[in-house]
Amino acid sequence: MTSKTAYVWAVQLLAGREHSACEMKQKLAAKGFGADEVGSALEDLIASRLLSDERFAESLVRSRVNKGVGPVRLRQELREHNIPPEMSEPFVQAQDWRALAVNVYKKRFGKARCSNYQEQAKQMRFLQYRGFEMDQIRAVINNSEWDSCE
């Protein structure tokens, strides 16, 4: 297999969605391309601006926010793709995480706020699993605008 073949295969992958350089490297290696072919293809993709970790980070943040994922979980996903924090943090910081936490809470539990400790703990664990920080979770749970549940 030649580097041109690796390049063409990578372009076909990028036609579907954005990929990080790390992810593209893994996919090309799994397809059976050698290290030199992969390296050459990645250099060409980056030089032609078809592959961009910054664009990937922006796309991933937007996608995960639309799915209701919080900043903790999102930062972890970005680390898994070897995206440096200085590149991704502006996209993460641009989000209104408290508003998103409220929307995720309302979608899952409705508008009622429970004073029952066990139910609150369940709700907090759900928001924590979704990747929200404790101050964001407390702001949602302690919001006095909610109706009390029976």
C-alpha atoms as a PDB file:
ATOM      1  CA  MET A   1       0.000   0.000   0.000  1.00  0.00           C
ATOM      2  CA  THR A   2       1.293   3.455  -0.830  1.00  0.00           C
ATOM      3  CA  SER A   3       1.029   6.708   1.089  1.00  0.00           C
ATOM      4  CA  LYS A   4      -1.291   7.986  -1.631  1.00  0.00           C
ATOM      5  CA  THR A   5      -3.645   5.116  -0.869  1.00  0.00           C
ATOM      6  CA  ALA A   6      -3.491   5.971   2.835  1.00  0.00           C
ATOM      7  CA  TYR A   7      -4.190   9.605   1.970  1.00  0.00           C
ATOM      8  CA  VAL A   8      -7.191   8.710  -0.199  1.00  0.00           C
ATOM      9  CA  TRP A   9      -8.579   6.385   2.448  1.00  0.00           C
ATOM     10  CA  ALA A  10      -8.176   9.109   5.098  1.00  0.00           C
ATOM     11  CA  VAL A  11      -9.966  11.660   2.907  1.00  0.00           C
ATOM     12  CA  GLN A  12     -12.868   9.238   2.567  1.00  0.00           C
ATOM     13  CA  LEU A  13     -13.030   8.956   6.353  1.00  0.00           C
ATOM     14  CA  LEU A  14     -12.945  12.735   6.709  1.00  0.00           C
ATOM     15  CA  ALA A  15     -15.830  13.039   4.262  1.00  0.00           C
ATOM     16  CA  GLY A  16     -18.043  11.441   6.909  1.00  0.00           C
ATOM     17  CA  ARG A  17     -16.994  13.487   9.936  1.00  0.00           C
ATOM     18  CA  GLU A  18     -14.074  15.269  11.558  1.00  0.00           C
ATOM     19  CA  HIS A  19     -11.337  13.095  13.074  1.00  0.00           C
ATOM     20  CA  SER A  20      -8.442  13.929  15.371  1.00  0.00           C
ATOM     21  CA  ALA A  21      -4.901  13.249  14.154  1.00  0.00           C
ATOM     22  CA  CYS A  22      -4.547  10.575  16.847  1.00  0.00           C
ATOM     23  CA  GLU A  23      -7.759   8.851  15.799  1.00  0.00           C
ATOM     24  CA  MET A  24      -6.818   9.018  12.107  1.00  0.00           C
ATOM     25  CA  LYS A  25      -3.404   7.539  12.854  1.00  0.00           C
ATOM     26  CA  GLN A  26      -5.027   4.621  14.686  1.00  0.00           C
ATOM     27  CA  LYS A  27      -7.555   3.995  11.903  1.00  0.00           C
ATOM     28  CA  LEU A  28      -4.918   4.033   9.183  1.00  0.00           C
ATOM     29  CA  ALA A  29      -2.673   1.689  11.167  1.00  0.00           C
ATOM     30  CA  ALA A  30      -5.591  -0.669  11.765  1.00  0.00           C
ATOM     31  CA  LYS A  31      -6.250  -0.692   8.014  1.00  0.00           C
ATOM     32  CA  GLY A  32      -2.744  -2.099   7.526  1.00  0.00           C
ATOM     33  CA  PHE A  33      -0.765   0.954   6.455  1.00  0.00           C
ATOM     34  CA  GLY A  34       2.846   1.191   7.635  1.00  0.00           C
ATOM     35  CA  ALA A  35       4.163   3.897   9.952  1.00  0.00           C
ATOM     36  CA  ASP A  36       5.863   5.778   7.081  1.00  0.00           C
ATOM     37  CA  GLU A  37       2.699   5.732   4.964  1.00  0.00           C
ATOM     38  CA  VAL A  38       0.587   6.894   7.892  1.00  0.00           C
ATOM     39  CA  GLY A  39       3.032   9.660   8.790  1.00  0.00           C
ATOM     40  CA  SER A  40       3.209  10.884   5.207  1.00  0.00           C
ATOM     41  CA  ALA A  41      -0.571  10.826   4.811  1.00  0.00           C
ATOM     42  CA  LEU A  42      -1.097  12.723   8.078  1.00  0.00           C
ATOM     43  CA  GLU A  43       1.463  15.373   7.081  1.00  0.00           C
ATOM     44  CA  ASP A  44      -0.289  15.837   3.729  1.00  0.00           C
ATOM     45  CA  LEU A  45      -3.729  16.033   5.365  1.00  0.00           C
ATOM     46  CA  ILE A  46      -2.565  18.609   7.896  1.00  0.00           C
ATOM     47  CA  ALA A  47      -0.728  20.641   5.225  1.00  0.00           C
ATOM     48  CA  SER A  48      -3.852  20.714   3.041  1.00  0.00           C
ATOM     49  CA  ARG A  49      -5.944  21.631   6.110  1.00  0.00           C
ATOM     50  CA  LEU A  50      -8.217  18.630   5.660  1.00  0.00           C
ATOM     51  CA  LEU A  51      -7.242  17.329   9.106  1.00  0.00           C
ATOM     52  CA  SER A  52      -7.382  19.746  12.024  1.00  0.00           C
ATOM     53  CA  ASP A  53      -7.376  18.904  15.724  1.00  0.00           C
ATOM     54  CA  GLU A  54      -8.827  22.334  16.472  1.00  0.00           C
ATOM     55  CA  ARG A  55     -11.745  21.803  14.099  1.00  0.00           C
ATOM     56  CA  PHE A  56     -12.229  18.323  15.549  1.00  0.00           C
ATOM     57  CA  ALA A  57     -12.310  19.750  19.099  1.00  0.00           C
ATOM     58  CA  GLU A  58     -14.911  22.336  18.123  1.00  0.00           C
ATOM     59  CA  SER A  59     -17.019  19.682  16.419  1.00  0.00           C
ATOM     60  CA  LEU A  60     -16.775  17.269  19.351  1.00  0.00           C
ATOM     61  CA  VAL A  61     -17.736  19.965  21.880  1.00  0.00           C
ATOM     62  CA  ARG A  62     -20.741  21.018  19.815  1.00  0.00           C
ATOM     63  CA  SER A  63     -21.861  17.423  19.321  1.00  0.00           C
ATOM     64  CA  ARG A  64     -21.551  16.450  22.994  1.00  0.00           C
ATOM     65  CA  VAL A  65     -23.235  19.623  24.250  1.00  0.00           C
ATOM     66  CA  ASN A  66     -26.190  18.835  21.977  1.00  0.00           C
ATOM     67  CA  LYS A  67     -26.350  15.408  23.655  1.00  0.00           C
ATOM     68  CA  GLY A  68     -26.310  16.909  27.161  1.00  0.00           C
ATOM     69  CA  VAL A  69     -22.761  15.959  28.176  1.00  0.00           C
ATOM     70  CA  GLY A  70     -21.126  18.100  30.857  1.00  0.00           C
ATOM     71  CA  PRO A  71     -17.643  19.638  30.955  1.00  0.00           C
ATOM     72  CA  VAL A  72     -15.940  16.935  33.042  1.00  0.00           C
ATOM     73  CA  ARG A  73     -16.904  14.128  30.703  1.00  0.00           C
ATOM     74  CA  LEU A  74     -16.222  16.300  27.660  1.00  0.00           C
ATOM     75  CA  ARG A  75     -12.691  17.162  28.793  1.00  0.00           C
ATOM     76  CA  GLN A  76     -12.038  13.455  29.338  1.00  0.00           C
ATOM     77  CA  GLU A  77     -13.156  12.651  25.785  1.00  0.00           C
ATOM     78  CA  LEU A  78     -10.893  15.383  24.428  1.00  0.00           C
ATOM     79  CA  ARG A  79      -7.944  13.958  26.393  1.00  0.00           C
ATOM     80  CA  GLU A  80      -8.667  10.501  24.932  1.00  0.00           C
ATOM     81  CA  HIS A  81      -8.234  12.035  21.472  1.00  0.00           C
ATOM     82  CA  ASN A  82      -4.935  13.694  22.529  1.00  0.00           C
ATOM     83  CA  ILE A  83      -6.348  17.186  22.058  1.00  0.00           C
ATOM     84  CA  PRO A  84      -4.276  19.603  24.176  1.00  0.00           C
ATOM     85  CA  PRO A  85      -6.292  21.605  26.733  1.00  0.00           C
ATOM     86  CA  GLU A  86      -5.000  24.925  25.403  1.00  0.00           C
ATOM     87  CA  MET A  87      -6.584  24.067  22.040  1.00  0.00           C
ATOM     88  CA  SER A  88      -9.937  22.800  23.315  1.00  0.00           C
ATOM     89  CA  GLU A  89     -10.526  24.902  26.418  1.00  0.00           C
ATOM     90  CA  PRO A  90     -11.856  27.990  24.547  1.00  0.00           C
ATOM     91  CA  PHE A  91     -14.627  25.828  23.065  1.00  0.00           C
ATOM     92  CA  VAL A  92     -15.401  24.276  26.467  1.00  0.00           C
ATOM     93  CA  GLN A  93     -15.428  27.644  28.241  1.00  0.00           C
ATOM     94  CA  ALA A  94     -17.793  29.151  25.658  1.00  0.00           C
ATOM     95  CA  GLN A  95     -20.672  26.958  26.882  1.00  0.00           C
ATOM     96  CA  ASP A  96     -23.294  27.848  29.494  1.00  0.00           C
ATOM     97  CA  TRP A  97     -22.926  24.681  31.576  1.00  0.00           C
ATOM     98  CA  ARG A  98     -25.471  25.611  34.260  1.00  0.00           C
ATOM     99  CA  ALA A  99     -28.185  26.169  31.679  1.00  0.00           C
ATOM    100  CA  LEU A 100     -27.311  22.873  30.035  1.00  0.00           C
ATOM    101  CA  ALA A 101     -27.422  21.103  33.416  1.00  0.00           C
ATOM    102  CA  VAL A 102     -30.895  22.552  34.037  1.00  0.00           C
ATOM    103  CA  ASN A 103     -32.085  21.387  30.603  1.00  0.00           C
ATOM    104  CA  VAL A 104     -30.682  17.880  31.130  1.00  0.00           C
ATOM    105  CA  TYR A 105     -32.301  17.747  34.584  1.00  0.00           C
ATOM    106  CA  LYS A 106     -35.686  18.904  33.275  1.00  0.00           C
ATOM    107  CA  LYS A 107     -35.586  16.406  30.416  1.00  0.00           C
ATOM    108  CA  ARG A 108     -34.832  13.510  32.771  1.00  0.00           C
ATOM    109  CA  PHE A 109     -36.795  14.410  35.925  1.00  0.00           C
ATOM    110  CA  GLY A 110     -39.385  16.964  34.885  1.00  0.00           C
ATOM    111  CA  LYS A 111     -39.864  20.229  36.695  1.00  0.00           C
ATOM    112  CA  ALA A 112     -40.343  18.909  40.223  1.00  0.00           C
ATOM    113  CA  ARG A 113     -37.559  19.154  42.794  1.00  0.00           C
ATOM    114  CA  CYS A 114     -37.562  16.522  45.531  1.00  0.00           C
ATOM    115  CA  SER A 115     -36.770  17.209  49.160  1.00  0.00           C
ATOM    116  CA  ASN A 116     -36.353  13.461  49.697  1.00  0.00           C
ATOM    117  CA  TYR A 117     -32.637  12.849  50.265  1.00  0.00           C
ATOM    118  CA  GLN A 118     -32.523   9.540  48.396  1.00  0.00           C
ATOM    119  CA  GLU A 119     -34.207  11.003  45.337  1.00  0.00           C
ATOM    120  CA  GLN A 120     -31.894  14.029  45.379  1.00  0.00           C
ATOM    121  CA  ALA A 121     -28.872  11.743  45.637  1.00  0.00           C
ATOM    122  CA  LYS A 122     -30.148   9.799  42.615  1.00  0.00           C
ATOM    123  CA  GLN A 123     -30.591  13.026  40.654  1.00  0.00           C
ATOM    124  CA  MET A 124     -27.128  14.247  41.635  1.00  0.00           C
ATOM    125  CA  ARG A 125     -25.531  10.951  40.591  1.00  0.00           C
ATOM    126  CA  PHE A 126     -27.265  11.196  37.215  1.00  0.00           C
ATOM    127  CA  LEU A 127     -25.925  14.701  36.600  1.00  0.00           C
ATOM    128  CA  GLN A 128     -22.494  13.660  37.821  1.00  0.00           C
ATOM    129  CA  TYR A 129     -22.511  10.698  35.428  1.00  0.00           C
ATOM    130  CA  ARG A 130     -23.392  13.082  32.630  1.00  0.00           C
ATOM    131  CA  GLY A 131     -20.191  14.999  33.446  1.00  0.00           C
ATOM    132  CA  PHE A 132     -21.344  18.080  35.292  1.00  0.00           C
ATOM    133  CA  GLU A 133     -19.272  19.677  38.059  1.00  0.00           C
ATOM    134  CA  MET A 134     -20.549  19.715  41.633  1.00  0.00           C
ATOM    135  CA  ASP A 135     -21.218  23.478  41.692  1.00  0.00           C
ATOM    136  CA  GLN A 136     -23.370  23.104  38.568  1.00  0.00           C
ATOM    137  CA  ILE A 137     -25.197  20.120  40.086  1.00  0.00           C
ATOM    138  CA  ARG A 138     -25.858  21.956  43.354  1.00  0.00           C
ATOM    139  CA  ALA A 139     -27.157  24.981  41.436  1.00  0.00           C
ATOM    140  CA  VAL A 140     -29.696  22.745  39.704  1.00  0.00           C
ATOM    141  CA  ILE A 141     -30.699  20.699  42.756  1.00  0.00           C
ATOM    142  CA  ASN A 142     -30.947  23.701  45.102  1.00  0.00           C
ATOM    143  CA  ASN A 143     -32.793  25.904  42.623  1.00  0.00           C
ATOM    144  CA  SER A 144     -35.667  27.470  44.578  1.00  0.00           C
ATOM    145  CA  GLU A 145     -37.749  27.955  41.406  1.00  0.00           C
ATOM    146  CA  TRP A 146     -38.581  24.241  41.216  1.00  0.00           C
ATOM    147  CA  ASP A 147     -41.878  22.890  42.472  1.00  0.00           C
ATOM    148  CA  SER A 148     -41.528  20.474  45.381  1.00  0.00           C
ATOM    149  CA  CYS A 149     -42.404  16.873  44.685  1.00  0.00           C
ATOM    150  CA  GLU A 150     -44.599  14.902  47.006  1.00  0.00           C
END
